[in-house]
Amino acid sequence: QVQLVESGGGLVQPGGSLRLSCAASVSIFGTYIMGWYRQAPGKQRDMVALMVTGGSTNYADSVKGRFTISRDNAKNTVNLQMNSLKPEDTAVYYCRLIRGPDNYWGQGIQVTVSS
């Protein structure tokens, strides 16, 4: 069973930055898709950023130019650098790993952008 553990969330003022990390219990080297999703209260869970093996990335329009996804195969982590945060970025952020037919989620971590 793959375990994903997110860290780095919290409260930040508008315009600030946070860096989320997701640590996987297995090696992420190889043909994986890893990504970040978020879910605000009363809303569906939406894709924020994805990275596939080889380095290709995909971002939601709302975060392009502000968020950057990266992966560290040596540490089995995928990270999300979030800059110029806005109140509408407030949500629970989830890490996701897709490996063939298998799909894993982290437990989620709260990010609150407020003054």
Protein backbone atom coordinates (compact mmCIF):
# COMPACT_ATOMS: atom_id res chain seq x y z
CA GLN A 1 0.00 0.00 0.00
CA VAL A 2 1.37 3.40 -1.00
CA GLN A 3 1.29 6.10 1.65
CA LEU A 4 1.34 9.80 0.75
CA VAL A 5 1.94 12.38 3.47
CA GLU A 6 1.54 16.10 2.82
CA SER A 7 3.27 18.84 4.80
CA GLY A 8 3.88 22.58 4.63
CA GLY A 9 0.38 23.97 4.82
CA GLY A 10 -0.86 26.68 7.13
CA LEU A 11 -2.04 30.26 7.32
CA VAL A 12 -0.48 32.90 5.09
CA GLN A 13 -1.36 36.48 4.19
CA PRO A 14 -2.43 37.40 0.66
CA GLY A 15 0.62 37.81 -1.54
CA GLY A 16 2.63 35.39 0.55
CA SER A 17 4.17 32.03 -0.29
CA LEU A 18 3.98 28.47 0.92
CA ARG A 19 5.73 25.28 -0.16
CA LEU A 20 3.83 22.02 0.08
CA SER A 21 5.61 18.68 0.08
CA CYS A 22 4.25 15.18 -0.43
CA ALA A 23 6.37 12.27 0.73
CA ALA A 24 5.65 8.89 -0.84
CA SER A 25 6.36 5.58 0.89
CA VAL A 26 7.60 4.08 -2.37
CA SER A 27 10.04 5.12 -5.02
CA ILE A 28 8.50 7.59 -7.44
CA PHE A 29 11.14 6.98 -10.04
CA GLY A 30 9.56 5.63 -13.19
CA THR A 31 6.28 5.92 -14.98
CA TYR A 32 4.20 7.81 -12.46
CA ILE A 33 1.89 10.74 -12.57
CA MET A 34 2.04 12.86 -9.45
CA GLY A 35 0.05 15.91 -8.75
CA TRP A 36 -1.75 18.29 -6.44
CA TYR A 37 -5.47 18.86 -6.17
CA ARG A 38 -7.50 21.12 -3.93
CA GLN A 39 -10.98 21.27 -2.52
CA ALA A 40 -12.60 24.35 -1.07
CA PRO A 41 -15.64 24.08 1.22
CA GLY A 42 -18.74 23.24 -0.77
CA LYS A 43 -16.82 22.75 -3.99
CA GLN A 44 -15.51 19.80 -5.96
CA ARG A 45 -11.91 18.65 -5.86
CA ASP A 46 -10.00 20.21 -8.74
CA MET A 47 -6.61 19.63 -10.30
CA VAL A 48 -4.01 22.26 -9.42
CA ALA A 49 -0.82 20.87 -10.97
CA LEU A 50 0.35 17.61 -12.49
CA MET A 51 3.76 16.24 -13.38
CA VAL A 52 4.41 13.11 -15.39
CA THR A 53 7.60 11.11 -15.74
CA GLY A 54 9.86 13.03 -18.09
CA GLY A 55 8.99 16.33 -16.51
CA SER A 56 5.94 17.49 -18.43
CA THR A 57 3.64 19.63 -16.31
CA ASN A 58 0.07 20.83 -16.43
CA TYR A 59 -1.45 23.62 -14.36
CA ALA A 60 -4.90 24.93 -13.70
CA ASP A 61 -5.39 28.30 -15.38
CA SER A 62 -6.01 29.93 -12.02
CA VAL A 63 -2.50 29.11 -10.75
CA LYS A 64 -0.38 29.44 -13.89
CA GLY A 65 2.58 31.71 -13.29
CA ARG A 66 2.16 31.51 -9.50
CA PHE A 67 2.53 27.82 -8.62
CA THR A 68 5.33 25.44 -9.59
CA ILE A 69 5.30 21.67 -9.21
CA SER A 70 8.55 19.74 -8.86
CA ARG A 71 9.67 16.27 -7.87
CA ASP A 72 12.72 14.90 -6.10
CA ASN A 73 13.17 11.26 -7.07
CA ALA A 74 15.98 10.80 -4.54
CA LYS A 75 13.68 11.83 -1.69
CA ASN A 76 10.48 10.40 -3.20
CA THR A 77 8.74 13.73 -2.85
CA VAL A 78 6.65 16.00 -5.03
CA ASN A 79 6.49 19.64 -4.10
CA LEU A 80 4.25 22.60 -4.85
CA GLN A 81 5.72 26.06 -4.55
CA MET A 82 2.89 28.55 -4.20
CA ASN A 83 3.64 32.24 -4.66
CA SER A 84 1.45 35.34 -4.78
CA LEU A 85 -1.24 33.52 -2.86
CA LYS A 86 -4.79 34.79 -2.99
CA PRO A 87 -7.75 34.25 -0.64
CA GLU A 88 -9.35 32.09 -3.34
CA ASP A 89 -6.45 29.66 -3.02
CA THR A 90 -7.81 28.69 0.39
CA ALA A 91 -8.59 24.97 0.33
CA VAL A 92 -7.53 21.55 1.48
CA TYR A 93 -4.69 20.44 -0.79
CA TYR A 94 -4.27 16.77 -1.68
CA CYS A 95 -1.35 14.92 -3.18
CA ARG A 96 -2.12 12.24 -5.76
CA LEU A 97 -0.06 9.44 -7.30
CA ILE A 98 -1.20 7.44 -10.32
CA ARG A 99 0.72 4.30 -11.16
CA GLY A 100 -0.82 2.25 -13.91
CA PRO A 101 -4.33 1.29 -12.75
CA ASP A 102 -3.62 2.31 -9.16
CA ASN A 103 -4.58 5.68 -7.74
CA TYR A 104 -3.48 6.99 -4.33
CA TRP A 105 -4.36 10.12 -2.35
CA GLY A 106 -2.81 11.80 0.65
CA GLN A 107 -4.90 12.79 3.65
CA GLY A 108 -4.94 16.46 2.68
CA ILE A 109 -3.52 19.58 4.24
CA GLN A 110 -5.17 22.92 4.91
CA VAL A 111 -3.97 26.09 3.22
CA THR A 112 -5.62 29.32 4.37
CA VAL A 113 -4.89 32.66 2.73
CA SER A 114 -6.23 35.47 4.86
CA SER A 115 -5.22 38.78 6.36
